[in-house]
Structures are given as C-alpha cells and as structure tokens.
Amino acid sequence: MTDPIAARDAELAGVFERLEQAAEQEAAWRDEKESLVRQAKALGASHRAIGGRIEMSHTGVGKLITRTTPAADGSGDVG
C-alpha cells in the first residue's frame, strides 16, 4: 500500500519544482521582451507600433522603456 500523505507530498514537491522553473522562464522571457522593446524604440519604432505587437498600450510601452532603461548618468544605480 502507498502512503497517501507521502504520495501527495511527493506530487506537491514536483508541482513546486515545475512552478519554480516556470517562474524562472517567465522572468527570462520578460527580460528578453523588455530588451526587444528598447531595441525597437532605438531603431525608431513608435510606442503604438511596439504596443500593437505585445498587447500593451502605447503609454505602457513608454513606462516600460522608462522603467527598464538605465540612467545615462548612473543615478539609477543602487549601491
């Protein structure tokens, strides 16, 4: 006979492991998306054109760019 509590705990551990992997993948894809948005903007794309491709408003694109672009003077650095 299988211990139902041990079986549940083992299944839960597997779910948690997959959940952690999914979170890591999500963060990596978010970083990639933000990088591509900045690249598109640097190449002259409008906020509306970018937003139309990522299901985000042009205002949201502007905020994303502002939030993820390092300050040129280093004032955004946390030390």
C-alpha atoms as a PDB file:
ATOM      1  CA  MET A   1       0.000   0.000   0.000  1.00  0.00           C
ATOM      2  CA  THR A   2       1.115   3.504  -0.794  1.00  0.00           C
ATOM      3  CA  ASP A   3       1.016   6.100   1.935  1.00  0.00           C
ATOM      4  CA  PRO A   4      -1.428   8.738   0.595  1.00  0.00           C
ATOM      5  CA  ILE A   5       0.209  11.547   2.544  1.00  0.00           C
ATOM      6  CA  ALA A   6       3.682  10.689   1.238  1.00  0.00           C
ATOM      7  CA  ALA A   7       2.281  10.380  -2.299  1.00  0.00           C
ATOM      8  CA  ARG A   8       0.627  13.784  -2.028  1.00  0.00           C
ATOM      9  CA  ASP A   9       3.816  15.333  -0.626  1.00  0.00           C
ATOM     10  CA  ALA A  10       5.859  13.881  -3.483  1.00  0.00           C
ATOM     11  CA  GLU A  11       3.375  15.164  -6.057  1.00  0.00           C
ATOM     12  CA  LEU A  12       3.348  18.589  -4.396  1.00  0.00           C
ATOM     13  CA  ALA A  13       7.165  18.708  -4.454  1.00  0.00           C
ATOM     14  CA  GLY A  14       7.049  18.007  -8.202  1.00  0.00           C
ATOM     15  CA  VAL A  15       4.499  20.759  -8.748  1.00  0.00           C
ATOM     16  CA  PHE A  16       6.613  23.217  -6.755  1.00  0.00           C
ATOM     17  CA  GLU A  17       9.695  22.309  -8.802  1.00  0.00           C
ATOM     18  CA  ARG A  18       7.814  22.906 -12.071  1.00  0.00           C
ATOM     19  CA  LEU A  19       6.381  26.143 -10.661  1.00  0.00           C
ATOM     20  CA  GLU A  20       9.867  27.427  -9.839  1.00  0.00           C
ATOM     21  CA  GLN A  21      11.063  26.521 -13.350  1.00  0.00           C
ATOM     22  CA  ALA A  22       8.092  28.317 -14.891  1.00  0.00           C
ATOM     23  CA  ALA A  23       8.819  31.429 -12.815  1.00  0.00           C
ATOM     24  CA  GLU A  24      12.458  31.400 -13.969  1.00  0.00           C
ATOM     25  CA  GLN A  25      11.393  31.016 -17.600  1.00  0.00           C
ATOM     26  CA  GLU A  26       8.834  33.797 -17.239  1.00  0.00           C
ATOM     27  CA  ALA A  27      11.485  36.147 -15.847  1.00  0.00           C
ATOM     28  CA  ALA A  28      13.860  35.300 -18.681  1.00  0.00           C
ATOM     29  CA  TRP A  29      11.184  35.927 -21.320  1.00  0.00           C
ATOM     30  CA  ARG A  30      10.185  39.195 -19.622  1.00  0.00           C
ATOM     31  CA  ASP A  31      13.803  40.364 -19.740  1.00  0.00           C
ATOM     32  CA  GLU A  32      14.007  39.379 -23.416  1.00  0.00           C
ATOM     33  CA  LYS A  33      10.769  41.223 -24.230  1.00  0.00           C
ATOM     34  CA  GLU A  34      11.940  44.364 -22.442  1.00  0.00           C
ATOM     35  CA  SER A  35      15.253  44.250 -24.304  1.00  0.00           C
ATOM     36  CA  LEU A  36      13.478  43.874 -27.644  1.00  0.00           C
ATOM     37  CA  VAL A  37      11.145  46.772 -26.828  1.00  0.00           C
ATOM     38  CA  ARG A  38      14.152  49.003 -26.117  1.00  0.00           C
ATOM     39  CA  GLN A  39      15.831  47.836 -29.324  1.00  0.00           C
ATOM     40  CA  ALA A  40      12.705  48.547 -31.380  1.00  0.00           C
ATOM     41  CA  LYS A  41      12.471  52.027 -29.867  1.00  0.00           C
ATOM     42  CA  ALA A  42      16.175  52.656 -30.562  1.00  0.00           C
ATOM     43  CA  LEU A  43      15.517  51.706 -34.186  1.00  0.00           C
ATOM     44  CA  GLY A  44      12.778  54.327 -34.425  1.00  0.00           C
ATOM     45  CA  ALA A  45       9.587  52.372 -33.782  1.00  0.00           C
ATOM     46  CA  SER A  46       6.720  54.284 -32.205  1.00  0.00           C
ATOM     47  CA  HIS A  47       5.235  53.301 -28.881  1.00  0.00           C
ATOM     48  CA  ARG A  48       1.989  52.459 -30.686  1.00  0.00           C
ATOM     49  CA  ALA A  49       3.718  50.182 -33.181  1.00  0.00           C
ATOM     50  CA  ILE A  50       5.545  48.361 -30.393  1.00  0.00           C
ATOM     51  CA  GLY A  51       2.463  48.131 -28.198  1.00  0.00           C
ATOM     52  CA  GLY A  52       0.382  46.681 -31.014  1.00  0.00           C
ATOM     53  CA  ARG A  53       2.730  43.722 -31.200  1.00  0.00           C
ATOM     54  CA  ILE A  54       2.879  42.962 -27.481  1.00  0.00           C
ATOM     55  CA  GLU A  55      -0.712  43.750 -26.500  1.00  0.00           C
ATOM     56  CA  MET A  56       0.280  46.785 -24.468  1.00  0.00           C
ATOM     57  CA  SER A  57      -0.906  50.380 -24.667  1.00  0.00           C
ATOM     58  CA  HIS A  58       1.455  52.996 -26.070  1.00  0.00           C
ATOM     59  CA  THR A  59       1.507  54.542 -22.595  1.00  0.00           C
ATOM     60  CA  GLY A  60       2.508  51.200 -21.098  1.00  0.00           C
ATOM     61  CA  VAL A  61       5.312  50.892 -23.649  1.00  0.00           C
ATOM     62  CA  GLY A  62       6.617  54.318 -22.659  1.00  0.00           C
ATOM     63  CA  LYS A  63       6.546  53.382 -18.980  1.00  0.00           C
ATOM     64  CA  LEU A  64       8.290  50.065 -19.704  1.00  0.00           C
ATOM     65  CA  ILE A  65      11.046  51.848 -21.607  1.00  0.00           C
ATOM     66  CA  THR A  66      11.489  54.420 -18.852  1.00  0.00           C
ATOM     67  CA  ARG A  67      11.496  51.783 -16.123  1.00  0.00           C
ATOM     68  CA  THR A  68      13.948  49.433 -17.826  1.00  0.00           C
ATOM     69  CA  THR A  69      16.397  51.862 -19.432  1.00  0.00           C
ATOM     70  CA  PRO A  70      19.433  52.560 -17.228  1.00  0.00           C
ATOM     71  CA  ALA A  71      20.038  56.219 -16.480  1.00  0.00           C
ATOM     72  CA  ALA A  72      22.928  57.617 -18.525  1.00  0.00           C
ATOM     73  CA  ASP A  73      24.324  59.462 -15.502  1.00  0.00           C
ATOM     74  CA  GLY A  74      24.293  56.383 -13.298  1.00  0.00           C
ATOM     75  CA  SER A  75      21.662  57.880 -10.970  1.00  0.00           C
ATOM     76  CA  GLY A  76      19.586  54.728 -11.315  1.00  0.00           C
ATOM     77  CA  ASP A  77      22.362  52.627  -9.854  1.00  0.00           C
ATOM     78  CA  VAL A  78      21.697  51.118  -6.473  1.00  0.00           C
ATOM     79  CA  GLY A  79      24.803  50.711  -4.405  1.00  0.00           C
END
